[in-house]
Amino acid sequence: MNWASWSDFFAMGGYGFYVWGSFLVSLLCIVGEITLVFNRRRTLLRQLSLIHKATQYEQNNETTS
């Protein structure tokens, strides 16, 4: 396609709102998914750390009979 100016490019022949809106929604979904993955990872690492600490504590305080 050939556009005479930047405003024609952004207008996309009258469909600019839909085209750029689609890009924006897609970008927001991708950023949201990346954020959720990092939060899940951080939560998992915290839980694993707590489990490891609890296991270490139990091993150190076991009594032999």
Protein backbone atom coordinates (compact mmCIF):
# COMPACT_ATOMS: atom_id res chain seq x y z
CA MET A 1 0.00 0.00 0.00
CA ASN A 2 1.02 3.55 -0.63
CA TRP A 3 0.28 6.37 1.79
CA ALA A 4 0.75 10.03 1.01
CA SER A 5 1.44 11.03 4.62
CA TRP A 6 1.75 9.71 8.14
CA SER A 7 -1.82 10.69 8.90
CA ASP A 8 -3.00 8.54 5.97
CA PHE A 9 -0.92 5.68 7.33
CA PHE A 10 -2.47 5.98 10.79
CA ALA A 11 -5.98 6.36 9.32
CA MET A 12 -5.52 3.08 7.39
CA GLY A 13 -8.12 4.01 4.82
CA GLY A 14 -10.77 4.68 7.46
CA TYR A 15 -10.08 1.52 9.45
CA GLY A 16 -7.33 2.94 11.65
CA PHE A 17 -9.39 2.81 14.83
CA TYR A 18 -9.96 -0.93 14.42
CA VAL A 19 -6.43 -1.70 13.26
CA TRP A 20 -4.63 0.26 15.98
CA GLY A 21 -7.20 -0.75 18.57
CA SER A 22 -6.47 -4.39 17.76
CA PHE A 23 -2.75 -3.80 18.15
CA LEU A 24 -3.33 -2.07 21.49
CA VAL A 25 -5.54 -4.85 22.86
CA SER A 26 -3.03 -7.49 21.72
CA LEU A 27 -0.16 -5.60 23.32
CA LEU A 28 -2.07 -5.24 26.59
CA CYS A 29 -2.83 -8.97 26.63
CA ILE A 30 0.80 -9.88 26.01
CA VAL A 31 2.07 -7.50 28.71
CA GLY A 32 -0.57 -8.78 31.12
CA GLU A 33 0.37 -12.38 30.47
CA ILE A 34 4.07 -11.67 31.01
CA THR A 35 3.25 -9.88 34.27
CA LEU A 36 1.12 -12.79 35.48
CA VAL A 37 3.84 -15.30 34.63
CA PHE A 38 6.43 -13.34 36.63
CA ASN A 39 4.05 -13.05 39.58
CA ARG A 40 3.31 -16.79 39.49
CA ARG A 41 7.03 -17.54 39.37
CA ARG A 42 7.74 -15.27 42.34
CA THR A 43 4.91 -16.87 44.35
CA LEU A 44 6.12 -20.37 43.52
CA LEU A 45 9.68 -19.53 44.55
CA ARG A 46 8.42 -18.12 47.87
CA GLN A 47 6.38 -21.25 48.54
CA LEU A 48 9.31 -23.51 47.68
CA SER A 49 11.55 -21.47 49.96
CA LEU A 50 9.09 -21.83 52.84
CA ILE A 51 8.82 -25.58 52.25
CA HIS A 52 12.60 -25.88 52.18
CA LYS A 53 12.97 -23.88 55.40
CA ALA A 54 10.30 -25.97 57.13
CA THR A 55 11.99 -29.18 56.02
CA GLN A 56 15.37 -27.94 57.27
CA TYR A 57 13.83 -26.93 60.60
CA GLU A 58 12.19 -30.34 61.02
CA GLN A 59 15.43 -32.16 60.17
CA ASN A 60 17.41 -30.06 62.65
CA ASN A 61 14.91 -30.57 65.47
CA GLU A 62 14.18 -34.27 65.03
CA THR A 63 14.67 -36.40 68.09
CA THR A 64 16.04 -39.88 67.75
CA SER A 65 14.40 -42.59 69.76
